[in-house]
Amino acid sequence: MPLIEPRAIPNVITLGRVMLAPVIFGLLFVDAFAPRLLAFILFLAAAFSDLWDGYLARKHGWISDFGKLMDPLADKLLIVATFIPFYVISHSPGPASQFPYWGRLPVWVLVVIFGRELLVTIVRQLAARRGRVIPAGKEGKLKAVFQNIFCGAAIFWYALQSAAVAGGWTGTFWELWQTWLHGPVVIISLVIALALTLYSMLIYLVSWWRPGQGLA
């Protein structure tokens, strides 16, 4: 007899993602290459597990009320576990703490990211009281993809910055890597994620006010 019932596998994966969030949060505050590299690996595992548990639940009909509750919670915990450290670290002294191009991460970025999640949660609760279910749509899913790209790239950015300080990295290749390769990926993915965050929030509000419209 299996230790875990097959239909419980998506929920177990979701719980694993919930438990990874505080670990990633703590590792990011350790200014060293190895802990931040581990945070990067764990974040990738958490991000891909989100796709995996959703795929299994839909393919085999293993959707449960527990999963409907915990899956969005796990996603929000990962956002908190990454964006708050990004903000705190970017406001710490030293050039290695700065974000590429932006320097310090502006507080309005956190307001947009967290505000959207809070507003969507409130809208969903209000809709549920009226007997309506507002599922995630393509805009919201695309927003999550670019958020994950940004978070993964930013975690790896800080891992490399820690290694550069410890190892005294200099030279043309390192400068080109920061300026023309890694830095643009971090910033462009963040800008796209922010745009999709605002757009998907607008779609949510329109869908709530006008039942029957597309959802995000």
Protein backbone atom coordinates (compact mmCIF):
# COMPACT_ATOMS: atom_id res chain seq x y z
CA MET A 1 0.00 0.00 0.00
CA PRO A 2 1.51 3.39 -0.99
CA LEU A 3 2.52 5.81 1.75
CA ILE A 4 0.65 8.60 -0.02
CA GLU A 5 -2.65 8.25 -1.84
CA PRO A 6 -2.15 9.27 -5.48
CA ARG A 7 -4.85 11.95 -5.32
CA ALA A 8 -3.01 13.55 -2.39
CA ILE A 9 0.23 14.04 -4.38
CA PRO A 10 -0.64 17.58 -5.62
CA ASN A 11 -1.41 18.65 -2.04
CA VAL A 12 1.88 17.20 -0.78
CA ILE A 13 3.75 19.12 -3.49
CA THR A 14 1.91 22.30 -2.52
CA LEU A 15 2.80 21.81 1.15
CA GLY A 16 6.43 21.35 0.13
CA ARG A 17 6.27 24.70 -1.65
CA VAL A 18 4.83 26.32 1.47
CA MET A 19 7.70 24.94 3.57
CA LEU A 20 10.32 26.13 1.08
CA ALA A 21 9.20 29.77 1.32
CA PRO A 22 10.67 30.55 4.78
CA VAL A 23 13.85 28.65 3.90
CA ILE A 24 14.36 30.77 0.79
CA PHE A 25 13.56 33.89 2.81
CA GLY A 26 16.26 33.12 5.37
CA LEU A 27 18.91 32.04 2.87
CA LEU A 28 18.63 35.27 0.91
CA PHE A 29 19.73 37.28 3.94
CA VAL A 30 23.00 35.30 4.19
CA ASP A 31 25.51 37.35 2.21
CA ALA A 32 27.46 34.47 0.72
CA PHE A 33 27.43 32.64 -2.60
CA ALA A 34 26.54 29.13 -1.38
CA PRO A 35 23.42 30.05 0.67
CA ARG A 36 22.07 32.30 -2.08
CA LEU A 37 22.81 29.69 -4.74
CA LEU A 38 20.86 27.21 -2.62
CA ALA A 39 18.03 29.75 -2.39
CA PHE A 40 18.10 29.97 -6.20
CA ILE A 41 17.90 26.18 -6.59
CA LEU A 42 15.08 25.90 -4.05
CA PHE A 43 13.18 28.71 -5.74
CA LEU A 44 13.43 26.93 -9.09
CA ALA A 45 12.16 23.74 -7.44
CA ALA A 46 9.24 25.65 -5.91
CA ALA A 47 8.39 27.41 -9.18
CA PHE A 48 8.40 24.20 -11.23
CA SER A 49 6.49 22.33 -8.53
CA ASP A 50 3.67 24.84 -8.98
CA LEU A 51 3.35 23.75 -12.61
CA TRP A 52 3.66 20.08 -11.71
CA ASP A 53 1.00 19.92 -9.00
CA GLY A 54 -1.45 21.86 -11.16
CA TYR A 55 -0.83 19.56 -14.09
CA LEU A 56 -1.36 16.42 -12.00
CA ALA A 57 -4.52 17.79 -10.39
CA ARG A 58 -6.08 18.69 -13.74
CA LYS A 59 -4.96 15.57 -15.62
CA HIS A 60 -6.17 13.05 -13.04
CA GLY A 61 -9.05 15.00 -11.51
CA TRP A 62 -7.24 15.26 -8.16
CA ILE A 63 -8.57 18.75 -7.48
CA SER A 64 -9.51 19.27 -3.82
CA ASP A 65 -10.77 22.08 -1.60
CA PHE A 66 -7.47 21.90 0.29
CA GLY A 67 -5.56 22.44 -2.94
CA LYS A 68 -7.77 25.34 -3.96
CA LEU A 69 -6.99 27.02 -0.63
CA MET A 70 -3.30 26.17 -0.24
CA ASP A 71 -2.06 26.61 -3.81
CA PRO A 72 -2.72 30.39 -3.97
CA LEU A 73 -1.36 30.70 -0.41
CA ALA A 74 1.87 28.97 -1.42
CA ASP A 75 2.25 31.33 -4.38
CA LYS A 76 1.77 34.38 -2.15
CA LEU A 77 4.27 33.08 0.41
CA LEU A 78 6.90 32.74 -2.31
CA ILE A 79 6.26 36.33 -3.38
CA VAL A 80 6.74 37.52 0.20
CA ALA A 81 9.81 35.29 0.64
CA THR A 82 11.54 36.93 -2.31
CA PHE A 83 10.35 40.52 -2.71
CA ILE A 84 10.82 41.53 0.92
CA PRO A 85 14.47 40.31 0.98
CA PHE A 86 15.06 42.00 -2.39
CA TYR A 87 13.83 45.29 -0.97
CA VAL A 88 15.81 45.01 2.28
CA ILE A 89 19.02 43.85 0.60
CA SER A 90 18.86 46.54 -2.10
CA HIS A 91 18.63 49.19 0.63
CA SER A 92 21.65 47.81 2.46
CA PRO A 93 25.03 49.59 2.17
CA GLY A 94 27.52 48.56 -0.47
CA PRO A 95 27.46 48.39 -4.30
CA ALA A 96 26.91 44.61 -4.27
CA SER A 97 23.49 45.19 -2.68
CA GLN A 98 22.18 47.32 -5.53
CA PHE A 99 19.78 46.16 -8.21
CA PRO A 100 21.02 46.52 -11.78
CA TYR A 101 20.14 49.93 -13.24
CA TRP A 102 17.61 50.78 -10.51
CA GLY A 103 19.96 50.66 -7.54
CA ARG A 104 17.56 50.42 -4.62
CA LEU A 105 14.30 48.60 -5.32
CA PRO A 106 11.55 51.26 -5.08
CA VAL A 107 8.88 50.74 -2.44
CA TRP A 108 6.16 51.28 -5.04
CA VAL A 109 7.18 47.97 -6.66
CA LEU A 110 6.19 46.18 -3.44
CA VAL A 111 2.98 48.21 -3.26
CA VAL A 112 2.02 47.13 -6.79
CA ILE A 113 2.94 43.45 -6.29
CA PHE A 114 1.44 43.02 -2.83
CA GLY A 115 -1.46 45.38 -3.46
CA ARG A 116 -2.57 43.38 -6.47
CA GLU A 117 -2.51 40.12 -4.52
CA LEU A 118 -4.48 41.67 -1.66
CA LEU A 119 -7.04 43.26 -3.96
CA VAL A 120 -7.55 40.07 -5.98
CA THR A 121 -8.00 38.08 -2.77
CA ILE A 122 -10.66 40.53 -1.56
CA VAL A 123 -12.43 40.48 -4.94
CA ARG A 124 -12.46 36.68 -4.95
CA GLN A 125 -13.90 36.58 -1.44
CA LEU A 126 -16.63 39.07 -2.35
CA ALA A 127 -17.43 37.12 -5.50
CA ALA A 128 -17.56 33.84 -3.52
CA ARG A 129 -20.14 35.33 -1.18
CA ARG A 130 -22.32 35.93 -4.22
CA GLY A 131 -21.82 32.36 -5.41
CA ARG A 132 -19.31 33.24 -8.12
CA VAL A 133 -15.89 31.68 -8.66
CA ILE A 134 -13.15 33.77 -10.28
CA PRO A 135 -10.42 31.42 -11.54
CA ALA A 136 -6.98 32.42 -12.74
CA GLY A 137 -6.86 33.38 -16.40
CA LYS A 138 -4.11 33.70 -18.98
CA GLU A 139 -3.09 37.23 -17.94
CA GLY A 140 -2.64 36.20 -14.32
CA LYS A 141 -0.74 33.06 -15.29
CA LEU A 142 1.55 35.01 -17.60
CA LYS A 143 2.14 37.50 -14.79
CA ALA A 144 3.20 34.64 -12.53
CA VAL A 145 5.62 33.35 -15.17
CA PHE A 146 7.42 36.69 -15.47
CA GLN A 147 7.42 37.15 -11.70
CA ASN A 148 9.16 33.80 -11.39
CA ILE A 149 11.66 34.70 -14.11
CA PHE A 150 12.44 37.95 -12.30
CA CYS A 151 12.72 36.33 -8.87
CA GLY A 152 14.97 33.54 -10.13
CA ALA A 153 17.20 35.99 -12.02
CA ALA A 154 17.37 38.36 -9.03
CA ILE A 155 18.28 35.60 -6.57
CA PHE A 156 21.05 34.42 -8.91
CA TRP A 157 22.16 38.07 -9.32
CA TYR A 158 22.68 38.40 -5.58
CA ALA A 159 24.42 35.01 -5.40
CA LEU A 160 26.92 36.17 -8.01
CA GLN A 161 27.33 39.56 -6.34
CA SER A 162 28.29 37.81 -3.10
CA ALA A 163 30.80 35.65 -4.98
CA ALA A 164 32.20 38.70 -6.79
CA VAL A 165 32.83 40.57 -3.54
CA ALA A 166 34.40 37.53 -1.87
CA GLY A 167 36.54 36.65 -4.89
CA GLY A 168 37.38 40.16 -6.02
CA TRP A 169 35.94 39.60 -9.49
CA THR A 170 36.92 42.23 -12.03
CA GLY A 171 37.52 42.37 -15.73
CA THR A 172 35.69 42.88 -18.99
CA PHE A 173 33.71 39.64 -18.92
CA TRP A 174 32.26 40.33 -15.47
CA GLU A 175 31.33 43.87 -16.47
CA LEU A 176 29.70 42.69 -19.70
CA TRP A 177 27.84 39.94 -17.82
CA GLN A 178 26.34 42.44 -15.40
CA THR A 179 25.66 45.23 -17.88
CA TRP A 180 24.51 43.44 -21.01
CA LEU A 181 23.39 39.95 -19.98
CA HIS A 182 22.24 39.35 -16.41
CA GLY A 183 21.23 42.89 -15.51
CA PRO A 184 18.85 43.35 -18.47
CA VAL A 185 17.15 40.00 -17.75
CA VAL A 186 16.48 41.09 -14.16
CA ILE A 187 15.10 44.49 -15.05
CA ILE A 188 13.16 43.60 -18.22
CA SER A 189 11.43 40.66 -16.53
CA LEU A 190 10.52 42.91 -13.58
CA VAL A 191 9.07 45.61 -15.85
CA ILE A 192 7.01 43.05 -17.78
CA ALA A 193 5.84 41.44 -14.52
CA LEU A 194 4.75 44.83 -13.16
CA ALA A 195 2.87 45.66 -16.37
CA LEU A 196 1.09 42.29 -16.32
CA THR A 197 0.37 42.70 -12.61
CA LEU A 198 -1.50 45.95 -13.24
CA TYR A 199 -3.20 44.62 -16.37
CA SER A 200 -4.40 41.40 -14.75
CA MET A 201 -5.67 43.38 -11.76
CA LEU A 202 -7.69 45.58 -14.12
CA ILE A 203 -9.13 42.49 -15.83
CA TYR A 204 -10.12 41.09 -12.43
CA LEU A 205 -11.97 44.27 -11.53
CA VAL A 206 -13.75 44.41 -14.88
CA SER A 207 -14.71 40.74 -14.54
CA TRP A 208 -16.10 41.38 -11.07
CA TRP A 209 -18.13 44.40 -12.13
CA ARG A 210 -19.27 42.78 -15.38
CA PRO A 211 -20.02 39.08 -14.81
CA GLY A 212 -19.36 36.93 -17.86
CA GLN A 213 -16.28 38.83 -19.03
CA GLY A 214 -12.87 37.18 -19.35
CA LEU A 215 -11.03 36.52 -16.08
CA ALA A 216 -7.39 36.85 -15.12
